[in-house]
C-alpha atoms as a PDB file:
ATOM      1  CA  UNK A   1      -8.989  27.202 -55.083  1.00  0.00           C
ATOM      2  CA  UNK A   2     -10.229  25.896 -58.378  1.00  0.00           C
ATOM      3  CA  UNK A   3      -8.068  23.182 -59.941  1.00  0.00           C
ATOM      4  CA  UNK A   4      -7.773  25.135 -63.195  1.00  0.00           C
ATOM      5  CA  UNK A   5      -6.606  28.268 -61.378  1.00  0.00           C
ATOM      6  CA  UNK A   6      -3.962  26.251 -59.525  1.00  0.00           C
ATOM      7  CA  UNK A   7      -2.725  24.558 -62.708  1.00  0.00           C
ATOM      8  CA  UNK A   8      -2.626  27.899 -64.557  1.00  0.00           C
ATOM      9  CA  UNK A   9      -0.572  29.469 -61.759  1.00  0.00           C
ATOM     10  CA  UNK A  10       1.864  26.542 -61.682  1.00  0.00           C
ATOM     11  CA  UNK A  11       2.255  26.734 -65.471  1.00  0.00           C
ATOM     12  CA  UNK A  12       2.515  30.516 -65.425  1.00  0.00           C
ATOM     13  CA  UNK A  13       5.203  30.748 -62.769  1.00  0.00           C
ATOM     14  CA  UNK A  14       7.092  27.767 -64.236  1.00  0.00           C
ATOM     15  CA  UNK A  15       7.096  29.109 -67.787  1.00  0.00           C
ATOM     16  CA  UNK A  16       8.216  32.568 -66.723  1.00  0.00           C
ATOM     17  CA  UNK A  17      11.009  31.307 -64.456  1.00  0.00           C
ATOM     18  CA  UNK A  18      12.339  28.555 -66.722  1.00  0.00           C
ATOM     19  CA  UNK A  19      12.126  30.476 -69.996  1.00  0.00           C
ATOM     20  CA  UNK A  20      13.654  33.611 -68.484  1.00  0.00           C
ATOM     21  CA  UNK A  21      16.562  31.627 -67.051  1.00  0.00           C
ATOM     22  CA  UNK A  22      17.237  29.987 -70.432  1.00  0.00           C
ATOM     23  CA  UNK A  23      16.828  33.304 -72.238  1.00  0.00           C
ATOM     24  CA  UNK A  24      19.315  35.005 -69.941  1.00  0.00           C
ATOM     25  CA  UNK A  25      21.828  32.162 -70.137  1.00  0.00           C
ATOM     26  CA  UNK A  26      22.058  30.609 -73.619  1.00  0.00           C
ATOM     27  CA  UNK A  27      25.053  28.555 -72.498  1.00  0.00           C
ATOM     28  CA  UNK A  28      22.854  26.869 -69.893  1.00  0.00           C
ATOM     29  CA  UNK A  29      20.310  26.063 -72.600  1.00  0.00           C
ATOM     30  CA  UNK A  30      22.999  24.450 -74.757  1.00  0.00           C
ATOM     31  CA  UNK A  31      24.187  22.354 -71.791  1.00  0.00           C
ATOM     32  CA  UNK A  32      20.593  21.299 -71.168  1.00  0.00           C
ATOM     33  CA  UNK A  33      20.177  20.180 -74.784  1.00  0.00           C
ATOM     34  CA  UNK A  34      23.428  18.226 -74.587  1.00  0.00           C
ATOM     35  CA  UNK A  35      22.267  16.598 -71.332  1.00  0.00           C
ATOM     36  CA  UNK A  36      18.997  15.516 -72.977  1.00  0.00           C
ATOM     37  CA  UNK A  37      20.761  13.655 -75.803  1.00  0.00           C
ATOM     38  CA  UNK A  38      20.692   9.883 -75.806  1.00  0.00           C
ATOM     39  CA  UNK A  39      17.833   7.423 -75.970  1.00  0.00           C
ATOM     40  CA  UNK A  40      17.812   6.699 -72.243  1.00  0.00           C
ATOM     41  CA  UNK A  41      17.454  10.335 -71.308  1.00  0.00           C
ATOM     42  CA  UNK A  42      14.857  10.924 -73.987  1.00  0.00           C
ATOM     43  CA  UNK A  43      12.849   7.962 -72.665  1.00  0.00           C
ATOM     44  CA  UNK A  44      13.046   9.358 -69.134  1.00  0.00           C
ATOM     45  CA  UNK A  45      12.040  12.757 -70.494  1.00  0.00           C
ATOM     46  CA  UNK A  46       9.063  11.098 -72.194  1.00  0.00           C
ATOM     47  CA  UNK A  47       7.949   9.472 -68.950  1.00  0.00           C
ATOM     48  CA  UNK A  48       7.960  12.872 -67.254  1.00  0.00           C
ATOM     49  CA  UNK A  49       5.991  14.506 -70.057  1.00  0.00           C
ATOM     50  CA  UNK A  50       3.478  11.673 -70.165  1.00  0.00           C
ATOM     51  CA  UNK A  51       2.842  11.529 -66.412  1.00  0.00           C
ATOM     52  CA  UNK A  52       2.564  15.299 -65.922  1.00  0.00           C
ATOM     53  CA  UNK A  53       0.366  15.648 -69.007  1.00  0.00           C
ATOM     54  CA  UNK A  54      -1.857  12.772 -67.927  1.00  0.00           C
ATOM     55  CA  UNK A  55      -2.308  14.271 -64.464  1.00  0.00           C
ATOM     56  CA  UNK A  56      -3.309  17.564 -66.060  1.00  0.00           C
ATOM     57  CA  UNK A  57      -5.708  15.997 -68.565  1.00  0.00           C
ATOM     58  CA  UNK A  58      -7.337  13.790 -65.954  1.00  0.00           C
ATOM     59  CA  UNK A  59      -7.825  16.784 -63.659  1.00  0.00           C
ATOM     60  CA  UNK A  60      -8.975  19.230 -66.299  1.00  0.00           C
ATOM     61  CA  UNK A  61      -9.987  18.289 -69.825  1.00  0.00           C
ATOM     62  CA  UNK A  62     -12.439  20.926 -70.997  1.00  0.00           C
ATOM     63  CA  UNK A  63     -12.470  22.352 -74.495  1.00  0.00           C
ATOM     64  CA  UNK A  64     -14.419  25.604 -74.397  1.00  0.00           C
ATOM     65  CA  UNK A  65     -13.987  29.094 -75.788  1.00  0.00           C
ATOM     66  CA  UNK A  66     -12.154  30.456 -72.746  1.00  0.00           C
ATOM     67  CA  UNK A  67      -8.529  30.883 -71.730  1.00  0.00           C
ATOM     68  CA  UNK A  68      -8.808  27.599 -69.809  1.00  0.00           C
ATOM     69  CA  UNK A  69      -8.504  25.693 -73.074  1.00  0.00           C
ATOM     70  CA  UNK A  70      -4.809  26.661 -73.057  1.00  0.00           C
ATOM     71  CA  UNK A  71      -4.348  24.420 -70.003  1.00  0.00           C
ATOM     72  CA  UNK A  72      -6.130  21.509 -71.691  1.00  0.00           C
ATOM     73  CA  UNK A  73      -4.035  21.966 -74.841  1.00  0.00           C
ATOM     74  CA  UNK A  74      -0.794  22.063 -72.821  1.00  0.00           C
ATOM     75  CA  UNK A  75      -1.800  18.865 -71.033  1.00  0.00           C
ATOM     76  CA  UNK A  76      -2.530  17.056 -74.284  1.00  0.00           C
ATOM     77  CA  UNK A  77       0.709  18.353 -75.838  1.00  0.00           C
ATOM     78  CA  UNK A  78       2.613  16.857 -72.923  1.00  0.00           C
ATOM     79  CA  UNK A  79       0.821  13.517 -73.255  1.00  0.00           C
ATOM     80  CA  UNK A  80       1.479  13.356 -76.998  1.00  0.00           C
ATOM     81  CA  UNK A  81       5.111  14.463 -76.722  1.00  0.00           C
ATOM     82  CA  UNK A  82       5.641  11.969 -73.876  1.00  0.00           C
ATOM     83  CA  UNK A  83       4.359   9.161 -76.061  1.00  0.00           C
ATOM     84  CA  UNK A  84       6.591  10.351 -78.908  1.00  0.00           C
ATOM     85  CA  UNK A  85       9.658  10.396 -76.640  1.00  0.00           C
ATOM     86  CA  UNK A  86       8.869   6.925 -75.257  1.00  0.00           C
ATOM     87  CA  UNK A  87       7.997   5.169 -78.516  1.00  0.00           C
ATOM     88  CA  UNK A  88      10.069   7.085 -81.076  1.00  0.00           C
ATOM     89  CA  UNK A  89      13.057   8.536 -79.197  1.00  0.00           C
ATOM     90  CA  UNK A  90      15.180   8.915 -82.324  1.00  0.00           C
ATOM     91  CA  UNK A  91      12.572  11.132 -83.994  1.00  0.00           C
ATOM     92  CA  UNK A  92      12.130  13.166 -80.826  1.00  0.00           C
ATOM     93  CA  UNK A  93      15.905  13.414 -80.562  1.00  0.00           C
ATOM     94  CA  UNK A  94      16.041  15.032 -83.980  1.00  0.00           C
ATOM     95  CA  UNK A  95      13.865  17.842 -82.608  1.00  0.00           C
ATOM     96  CA  UNK A  96      16.382  18.479 -79.811  1.00  0.00           C
ATOM     97  CA  UNK A  97      19.239  18.451 -82.323  1.00  0.00           C
ATOM     98  CA  UNK A  98      17.424  21.038 -84.436  1.00  0.00           C
ATOM     99  CA  UNK A  99      16.852  23.223 -81.378  1.00  0.00           C
ATOM    100  CA  UNK A 100      20.563  23.150 -80.572  1.00  0.00           C
ATOM    101  CA  UNK A 101      21.474  24.433 -84.016  1.00  0.00           C
ATOM    102  CA  UNK A 102      18.905  27.233 -84.371  1.00  0.00           C
ATOM    103  CA  UNK A 103      19.728  30.788 -83.406  1.00  0.00           C
ATOM    104  CA  UNK A 104      16.050  31.735 -83.235  1.00  0.00           C
ATOM    105  CA  UNK A 105      15.267  29.310 -80.415  1.00  0.00           C
ATOM    106  CA  UNK A 106      15.257  32.311 -78.066  1.00  0.00           C
ATOM    107  CA  UNK A 107      11.914  33.266 -79.660  1.00  0.00           C
ATOM    108  CA  UNK A 108      10.463  30.124 -78.062  1.00  0.00           C
ATOM    109  CA  UNK A 109      11.690  31.330 -74.691  1.00  0.00           C
ATOM    110  CA  UNK A 110      10.146  34.766 -75.232  1.00  0.00           C
ATOM    111  CA  UNK A 111       6.876  33.096 -76.254  1.00  0.00           C
ATOM    112  CA  UNK A 112       7.089  30.945 -73.118  1.00  0.00           C
ATOM    113  CA  UNK A 113       7.523  34.019 -70.915  1.00  0.00           C
ATOM    114  CA  UNK A 114       4.582  35.741 -72.612  1.00  0.00           C
ATOM    115  CA  UNK A 115       2.382  32.655 -72.303  1.00  0.00           C
ATOM    116  CA  UNK A 116       3.365  32.334 -68.640  1.00  0.00           C
ATOM    117  CA  UNK A 117       2.473  35.973 -68.009  1.00  0.00           C
ATOM    118  CA  UNK A 118      -0.848  35.495 -69.796  1.00  0.00           C
ATOM    119  CA  UNK A 119      -1.691  32.445 -67.671  1.00  0.00           C
ATOM    120  CA  UNK A 120      -0.742  34.310 -64.504  1.00  0.00           C
ATOM    121  CA  UNK A 121      -2.893  37.246 -65.495  1.00  0.00           C
ATOM    122  CA  UNK A 122      -5.921  35.053 -66.211  1.00  0.00           C
ATOM    123  CA  UNK A 123      -5.438  32.939 -63.107  1.00  0.00           C
ATOM    124  CA  UNK A 124      -5.146  35.893 -60.740  1.00  0.00           C
ATOM    125  CA  UNK A 125      -8.009  37.868 -62.278  1.00  0.00           C
ATOM    126  CA  UNK A 126     -10.470  34.960 -62.620  1.00  0.00           C
END
């Protein structure tokens, strides 16, 4: 199996499952945001983002005009957000605080489900 197909399937299934669970249970999402508060947790969160993003970028870092660029972009977003969480946790924490207060955050979950479905489609039809 191609590395890009594997990564797309992992992302696809993960996005669909996680976003659907948070969409179905908004109370769980609020508890998750509360759990992520605090500099220590944000730093730990940043380490996770950075490591996972770095693994993705080191395995696949191709910018072309295909759907595979989505995987590269997601990897770089994780690397950048991981660095932000590690070096500027207060600024990253403000993002979490804003998410907790917004009623339209469920649109992010719907977008995550759609992106996951798109990645699954491309990965299984490639």
